[in-house]
Protein backbone atom coordinates (compact mmCIF):
# COMPACT_ATOMS: atom_id res chain seq x y z
CA MET A 1 70.78 123.00 215.48
CA ASN A 2 73.30 126.10 216.66
CA ASP A 3 74.00 124.09 219.78
CA LEU A 4 74.88 120.55 217.28
CA PRO A 5 78.56 119.46 216.95
CA ILE A 6 80.16 120.57 213.57
CA GLU A 7 80.87 116.55 212.74
CA LEU A 8 77.15 116.01 213.62
CA ILE A 9 75.67 119.11 211.10
CA ALA A 10 79.16 117.67 208.72
CA ALA A 11 77.16 114.50 208.39
CA VAL A 12 73.53 115.85 207.68
CA VAL A 13 75.21 118.12 204.96
CA HIS A 14 77.37 114.75 203.78
CA ASN A 15 74.04 112.72 203.79
CA VAL A 16 71.58 115.25 201.61
CA SER A 17 71.64 114.94 198.12
CA ALA A 18 68.64 117.18 196.62
CA LYS A 19 70.19 120.44 195.53
CA ALA A 20 67.10 122.45 196.63
CA ASP A 21 67.54 120.22 200.77
CA LEU A 22 70.52 121.81 200.39
CA LEU A 23 69.64 125.32 199.99
CA SER A 24 67.20 125.38 202.63
CA LEU A 25 70.23 123.48 204.43
CA ARG A 26 72.19 126.55 203.60
CA VAL A 27 70.02 129.26 205.49
CA VAL A 28 70.07 127.41 208.89
CA ASN A 29 73.47 129.61 209.99
CA SER A 30 76.47 129.93 208.63
CA THR A 31 78.36 126.83 209.97
CA CYS A 32 75.56 125.29 207.94
CA ARG A 33 76.48 127.60 204.64
CA ASP A 34 80.33 127.13 204.52
CA LEU A 35 80.00 123.29 205.27
CA VAL A 36 76.79 123.52 202.36
CA ASN A 37 78.79 125.84 200.07
CA PRO A 38 80.78 123.01 198.67
CA SER A 39 78.01 120.02 197.46
CA ALA A 40 75.61 122.99 196.37
CA PHE A 41 77.72 124.60 194.09
CA ARG A 42 79.76 122.00 192.88
CA LYS A 43 77.90 121.36 189.65
CA LEU A 44 75.52 124.48 188.35
CA HIS A 45 72.94 123.40 185.82
CA LEU A 46 72.00 126.20 183.27
CA GLN A 47 68.79 125.92 181.68
CA ASN A 48 68.17 127.68 178.77
CA SER A 49 66.50 130.89 180.01
CA VAL A 50 67.48 134.36 180.43
CA GLN A 51 66.49 134.15 184.08
CA SER A 52 68.98 130.87 184.21
CA ALA A 53 71.82 132.56 182.71
CA GLN A 54 71.04 135.79 184.86
CA ASN A 55 71.31 133.25 188.28
CA LEU A 56 74.24 131.48 186.63
CA GLN A 57 76.57 135.20 186.53
CA SER A 58 75.45 136.38 189.42
CA ILE A 59 77.17 132.99 191.40
CA LEU A 60 80.30 133.87 189.46
CA SER A 61 80.47 136.56 190.27
CA CYS A 62 80.82 136.06 193.78
CA PRO A 63 84.22 134.82 194.59
CA THR A 64 83.76 132.28 197.72
CA LEU A 65 80.77 130.55 195.24
CA ALA A 66 83.09 130.78 192.26
CA SER A 67 85.64 128.58 193.77
CA HIS A 68 83.24 125.31 194.44
CA VAL A 69 82.04 125.45 190.94
CA GLN A 70 83.97 122.36 189.26
CA GLU A 71 81.37 120.96 186.31
CA VAL A 72 78.65 123.63 184.38
CA VAL A 73 76.23 121.55 182.30
CA TYR A 74 73.41 123.82 180.27
CA ASP A 75 69.83 122.34 179.20
CA HIS A 76 70.24 119.24 180.71
CA ARG A 77 66.75 117.87 180.33
CA ASP A 78 65.78 114.53 181.81
CA HIS A 79 64.29 112.00 179.31
CA ALA A 80 63.76 114.17 177.17
CA GLN A 81 64.13 112.42 173.15
CA PHE A 82 65.59 115.56 170.85
CA CYS A 83 63.51 116.12 168.00
CA LEU A 84 63.56 118.57 165.47
CA ILE A 85 60.01 120.32 165.07
CA PRO A 86 58.97 121.66 161.70
CA GLN A 87 57.81 124.96 162.40
CA THR A 88 54.00 126.21 161.97
CA ASP A 89 52.07 128.94 162.45
CA GLN A 90 51.13 128.87 166.54
CA ASP A 91 55.23 129.04 166.80
CA VAL A 92 55.87 132.75 166.46
CA CYS A 93 59.50 134.21 168.44
CA ASP A 94 60.08 136.84 169.75
CA GLU A 95 63.21 138.22 168.35
CA LEU A 96 63.96 140.74 170.69
CA GLU A 97 63.42 137.54 173.75
CA ILE A 98 66.16 135.83 171.56
CA ALA A 99 68.47 138.71 171.34
CA GLU A 100 68.16 138.67 174.86
CA LEU A 101 69.09 135.03 175.41
CA GLU A 102 71.35 134.94 173.71
CA GLU A 103 72.98 138.02 175.24
CA ALA A 104 72.27 136.73 178.35
CA LEU A 105 73.67 133.38 177.81
CA THR A 106 77.15 134.66 176.61
CA GLU A 107 78.16 136.89 179.20
CA ALA A 108 77.41 133.48 181.48
CA PHE A 109 79.14 131.30 179.70
CA CYS A 110 82.15 134.18 179.68
CA SER A 111 82.18 134.57 183.02
CA LEU A 112 83.42 130.82 183.98
CA PRO A 113 86.93 132.06 183.63
CA LEU A 114 85.60 133.17 187.88
CA CYS A 115 86.12 129.42 188.08
CA VAL A 116 89.48 128.72 189.37
CA ASN A 117 88.50 124.82 189.68
CA LEU A 118 86.37 124.18 186.98
CA GLY A 119 86.67 121.05 185.69
CA SER A 120 84.14 120.09 182.96
CA VAL A 121 81.26 121.79 180.80
CA THR A 122 78.81 120.15 179.07
CA LEU A 123 76.56 122.00 176.25
CA ASN A 124 73.08 120.57 175.35
CA PHE A 125 71.27 122.48 172.47
CA TRP A 126 67.22 121.66 171.87
CA PRO A 127 65.42 123.42 169.48
CA SER A 128 63.25 125.63 171.62
CA PHE A 129 63.97 128.09 174.96
CA ARG A 130 62.00 128.96 178.03
CA SER A 131 60.34 132.30 177.13
CA GLN A 132 60.30 135.19 179.92
CA ALA A 133 56.13 134.25 180.32
CA GLY A 134 57.27 130.33 180.72
CA CYS A 135 56.49 128.89 176.93
CA GLU A 136 58.46 126.85 175.77
CA THR A 137 58.91 127.98 172.60
CA HIS A 138 60.28 126.22 169.17
CA GLU A 139 62.84 127.80 167.43
CA THR A 140 63.20 128.11 163.44
CA PRO A 141 66.48 126.26 161.96
CA PHE A 142 67.92 130.38 161.92
CA TRP A 143 67.58 131.09 165.23
CA PHE A 144 68.96 127.92 166.51
CA THR A 145 71.72 127.59 164.45
CA ASN A 146 72.54 131.41 165.59
CA ARG A 147 72.24 130.42 169.45
CA GLN A 148 74.74 127.32 168.48
CA ILE A 149 77.51 129.40 167.56
CA THR A 150 76.92 132.38 169.81
CA ILE A 151 77.33 130.12 172.97
CA LEU A 152 80.21 127.82 171.43
CA HIS A 153 81.81 131.28 170.61
CA ALA A 154 81.66 132.48 174.11
CA ILE A 155 82.75 129.19 175.30
CA HIS A 156 85.91 129.39 173.09
CA HIS A 157 86.66 132.75 174.18
CA ALA A 158 86.48 131.79 178.02
CA MET A 159 88.91 128.47 176.96
CA LYS A 160 91.48 130.87 176.43
CA SER A 161 91.50 131.86 180.37
CA SER A 162 89.94 128.54 181.99
CA HIS A 163 91.56 125.81 182.96
CA MET A 164 88.50 122.96 182.27
CA HIS A 165 90.13 119.59 180.68
CA SER A 166 86.29 118.27 179.34
CA LEU A 167 84.48 119.43 176.80
CA SER A 168 81.10 118.04 175.83
CA LEU A 169 78.60 118.76 173.15
CA ASN A 170 75.62 116.92 172.10
CA ASN A 171 72.61 117.82 169.55
CA VAL A 172 75.10 119.87 167.55
CA LEU A 173 73.96 120.78 163.92
CA LEU A 174 77.20 121.13 162.14
CA MET A 175 77.08 124.08 159.44
CA SER A 176 80.33 124.98 157.33
CA SER A 177 83.78 125.24 158.61
CA ALA A 178 83.72 129.17 158.11
CA CYS A 179 80.95 129.95 160.86
CA TYR A 180 83.37 128.22 163.34
CA ASP A 181 86.34 130.10 163.16
CA PHE A 182 86.87 131.12 166.69
CA VAL A 183 87.81 127.74 166.82
CA SER A 184 91.58 127.76 165.41
CA SER A 185 91.61 130.91 167.67
CA LEU A 186 92.17 128.27 170.51
CA VAL A 187 95.80 127.07 169.61
CA ASN A 188 96.58 126.20 173.11
CA SER A 189 93.64 124.09 174.00
CA PRO A 190 93.47 122.88 178.20
CA LEU A 191 91.05 119.91 176.87
CA SER A 192 91.85 116.61 177.81
CA HIS A 193 88.83 114.84 176.33
CA PHE A 194 86.35 116.31 173.45
CA SER A 195 82.82 114.72 172.96
CA MET A 196 80.14 115.88 170.51
CA SER A 197 77.05 114.04 169.14
CA VAL A 198 75.62 115.79 165.82
CA ILE A 199 72.24 115.48 164.35
CA ALA A 200 72.09 112.64 161.78
CA ASN A 201 71.43 113.86 158.17
CA SER A 202 68.49 112.51 157.65
CA GLU A 203 66.85 114.88 159.67
CA LEU A 204 68.03 117.52 158.81
CA GLY A 205 66.51 118.36 155.37
CA ALA A 206 62.59 118.20 155.95
CA TRP A 207 63.14 120.05 159.12
CA SER A 208 65.05 123.28 157.49
CA GLY A 209 64.74 123.00 153.89
CA SER A 210 68.76 122.98 153.23
CA LYS A 211 70.55 119.85 152.18
CA THR A 212 74.17 122.30 153.25
CA LEU A 213 73.84 121.41 157.06
CA ASN A 214 75.91 118.28 156.97
CA GLY A 215 79.56 120.43 157.19
CA SER A 216 82.45 118.91 158.53
CA LEU A 217 83.13 116.55 161.26
CA ALA A 218 86.35 118.67 161.74
CA SER A 219 84.64 121.75 162.88
CA LEU A 220 84.79 121.58 165.85
CA LEU A 221 87.56 120.15 166.64
CA PRO A 222 90.19 121.00 168.74
CA VAL A 223 93.49 121.95 166.56
CA SER A 224 96.57 119.90 167.27
CA ASN A 225 97.71 119.61 169.94
CA PRO A 226 99.08 116.78 172.89
CA ASN A 227 96.83 117.87 175.74
CA LEU A 228 93.56 115.50 174.27
CA LYS A 229 93.78 112.26 175.09
CA SER A 230 90.07 111.33 174.62
CA LEU A 231 87.45 112.09 171.27
CA VAL A 232 84.15 110.98 171.05
CA LEU A 233 82.54 111.81 167.68
CA ARG A 234 78.78 110.74 167.81
CA SER A 235 75.72 110.36 165.83
CA PRO A 236 73.31 108.63 167.93
CA GLN A 237 69.57 109.45 165.89
CA GLY A 238 71.35 107.78 162.89
CA LEU A 239 73.68 107.66 159.98
CA TYR A 240 76.71 111.10 159.67
CA HIS A 241 78.74 111.53 157.30
CA SER A 242 80.36 114.18 155.61
CA LEU A 243 81.52 115.12 152.26
CA THR A 244 83.17 118.05 153.08
CA THR A 245 85.21 116.43 156.71
CA GLN A 246 88.35 116.74 156.35
CA LEU A 247 90.60 115.57 158.86
CA HIS A 248 93.94 115.75 157.42
CA SER A 249 95.98 118.61 159.11
CA TYR A 250 94.47 117.49 162.91
CA GLU A 251 97.61 115.52 164.94
CA TYR A 252 96.88 114.85 168.72
CA PRO A 253 100.32 113.02 169.83
CA SER A 254 98.39 111.91 173.26
CA LEU A 255 95.11 110.55 171.99
CA GLN A 256 94.48 107.46 173.70
CA ALA A 257 90.84 106.79 173.20
CA LEU A 258 88.93 107.70 170.41
CA ILE A 259 84.66 106.32 170.15
CA LEU A 260 82.76 106.30 167.24
CA GLU A 261 78.80 106.11 166.70
CA ASN A 262 76.71 106.08 163.71
CA ILE A 263 80.41 107.72 161.69
CA VAL A 264 80.50 106.36 158.61
CA PHE A 265 84.30 105.53 157.10
CA ASP A 266 84.81 107.15 153.54
CA TYR A 267 85.02 104.96 150.28
CA ALA A 268 88.43 104.83 149.85
CA PRO A 269 91.31 104.87 152.80
CA ILE A 270 91.76 109.13 152.00
CA ASP A 271 93.51 111.52 154.16
CA ASP A 272 90.67 113.54 155.22
CA GLY A 273 89.04 110.77 156.45
CA ILE A 274 88.42 109.29 159.49
CA GLU A 275 89.74 105.86 159.09
CA GLU A 276 93.60 107.56 158.48
CA PHE A 277 92.65 109.72 161.57
CA ILE A 278 92.95 106.32 163.09
CA ILE A 279 95.87 104.94 161.29
CA ARG A 280 97.90 108.78 162.08
CA HIS A 281 96.89 108.01 165.96
CA LYS A 282 98.47 104.09 165.49
CA ALA A 283 100.99 105.03 168.69
CA THR A 284 99.51 106.19 171.20
CA LEU A 285 95.84 105.01 170.90
CA ARG A 286 94.84 102.04 173.17
CA ARG A 287 91.01 102.17 173.30
CA LEU A 288 88.82 101.99 170.07
CA GLU A 289 85.34 101.70 170.37
CA LEU A 290 82.99 101.74 167.29
CA ARG A 291 79.11 102.01 167.52
CA SER A 292 76.58 101.44 164.50
CA CYS A 293 79.46 102.81 162.37
CA SER A 294 79.36 101.77 158.18
CA SER A 295 81.60 101.92 155.26
CA TYR A 296 80.48 104.42 152.02
CA VAL A 297 78.91 102.57 149.14
CA PRO A 298 78.57 106.14 146.56
CA ASN A 299 76.32 103.84 144.86
CA THR A 300 73.80 100.17 144.76
CA THR A 301 76.64 99.68 141.46
CA THR A 302 80.14 100.02 142.90
CA PRO A 303 82.16 97.30 144.82
CA VAL A 304 81.98 97.89 148.22
CA ARG A 305 84.35 98.90 150.15
CA LYS A 306 84.77 95.56 152.26
CA TRP A 307 84.81 95.83 155.95
CA SER A 308 87.29 92.94 156.14
CA THR A 309 89.78 95.01 154.25
CA ILE A 310 89.53 98.40 156.98
CA TRP A 311 90.33 95.01 159.71
CA GLU A 312 93.04 93.48 158.07
CA ARG A 313 94.58 97.09 158.16
CA LEU A 314 93.66 97.91 161.56
CA SER A 315 95.15 94.71 162.39
CA ALA A 316 98.64 95.47 160.64
CA GLU A 317 98.54 99.69 161.86
CA LEU A 318 97.40 99.72 165.89
CA SER A 319 99.77 97.40 167.52
CA SER A 320 99.74 99.69 170.65
CA LEU A 321 95.56 99.48 170.22
CA GLU A 322 94.75 97.14 173.42
CA GLN A 323 90.82 97.36 174.11
CA LEU A 324 88.22 96.59 171.38
CA VAL A 325 85.05 97.23 171.69
CA VAL A 326 82.69 96.87 168.34
CA ASP A 327 78.80 96.21 169.04
CA ASN A 328 77.06 93.74 166.60
CA SER A 329 75.45 97.25 164.67
CA SER A 330 78.90 98.01 163.39
CA GLN A 331 80.44 96.35 159.93
CA GLY A 332 77.44 97.85 157.73
CA TYR A 333 77.50 99.02 154.87
CA ALA A 334 75.37 102.76 153.35
CA LEU A 335 74.89 104.27 151.10
CA LEU A 336 72.78 108.31 149.72
CA ASP A 337 69.63 107.67 149.68
CA THR A 338 68.76 111.84 148.18
CA SER A 339 65.23 111.88 150.13
CA ARG A 340 65.87 110.32 153.33
CA GLY A 341 70.16 110.85 153.58
CA TYR A 342 72.36 108.06 154.15
CA ILE A 343 70.60 104.97 154.85
CA SER A 344 71.64 101.64 154.79
CA HIS A 345 72.59 99.55 152.16
CA PRO A 346 69.47 98.00 150.58
CA SER A 347 71.12 94.58 149.60
CA PHE A 348 74.36 92.11 148.84
CA GLY A 349 73.79 90.64 146.32
CA ALA A 350 74.15 86.60 146.39
CA GLY A 351 77.09 87.30 147.95
CA ALA A 352 76.40 88.67 151.20
CA ALA A 353 76.36 85.66 153.31
CA GLU A 354 80.29 85.21 152.17
CA LEU A 355 80.61 89.06 152.67
CA VAL A 356 79.53 88.84 156.04
CA GLU A 357 81.30 86.22 156.75
CA GLU A 358 84.49 87.56 155.47
CA ASP A 359 84.16 90.53 157.47
CA GLN A 360 83.25 88.53 160.65
CA GLN A 361 86.26 86.53 160.46
CA ARG A 362 88.52 89.23 160.12
CA PHE A 363 87.26 91.08 162.49
CA GLN A 364 87.81 88.00 165.04
CA GLU A 365 91.45 87.60 164.23
CA LEU A 366 91.64 91.57 164.78
CA TYR A 367 89.42 91.18 167.81
CA GLU A 368 92.03 88.46 169.63
CA ARG A 369 95.08 89.92 168.34
CA VAL A 370 93.96 93.05 170.48
CA ASN A 371 92.57 91.30 173.33
CA SER A 372 95.69 88.80 173.59
CA ARG A 373 97.59 92.34 173.63
CA MET A 374 95.39 93.77 176.52
CA VAL A 375 95.92 90.33 178.56
CA SER A 376 100.10 90.61 178.11
CA ALA A 377 99.87 94.29 179.44
CA ALA A 378 98.00 93.65 182.32
CA SER A 379 100.55 90.78 183.27
């Protein structure tokens, strides 16, 4: 292979995608190493183990390798279904090993500014880790939440001197805003895209035994800044609503795209609510996507805040909107069940058909208005 033209070697490298194969090519000779490095180290995967964290830090400590890193993904698990497994007597966590894991992860994430071309970080949180003995160990609610805070603190510290523009957080268990005081210290957030998926209300109580783990959606939002252009707030496995959510102080003058999934709209349009947050960005918002969102109803005897009313308001206010995506599961209504969390409203009584028809009619009017605006913008 030493006698092959460099163009041919480059073509071979270009057509190899498996990381293991790239690393094998890398050790052939110095030419292969130089050609392989940009592909092999462009995207780094960090597993939830001490060894993986130490490996990442070794890469980042080498300037010639760190310069190629553009994306870091923490604890990606192919085709895995997120599940909060209740603690059993068989699950014994070694506190010293957990502390060592948190220390290794902190050092690794705090080293991210060494990646001068880093653009994107994705953090996936799972309630288990790989022990140094190679066993998958379930974590108690305390250690799982503590590890989340530790990693989030480290990544916010890194962002103070990093140029990363995209941060995605998955399976976040939201706690009190006081637990995330480090977020407000990042006054000049570099992010243009922020995505967060949270654990649904209904999953938390049985797992943790606590009814206080449904913190504000605003807890981890970047402070108001002119850089953020895209925001995603999701609760993939069920409805999410928090009475402590306070969004009134969050404003992003460049926000163009907003995606919400399983997020519950408040019973009335209050300053801290998601509806007012949308309206507040009417001047710049171009794309709005609602997936399985619901309108909150305090109890079964209270008149609902109709989706038709929400659609009418959005139609009147969102004069710059060019794309509206709403799935068939949206336009639902939700109420709080003391044992199951936020659930779909069980019944609308005799007027259900009329309510659904009115909701759909007002949505269609909004959709057609937005669609005509998009056609005009494209012509």
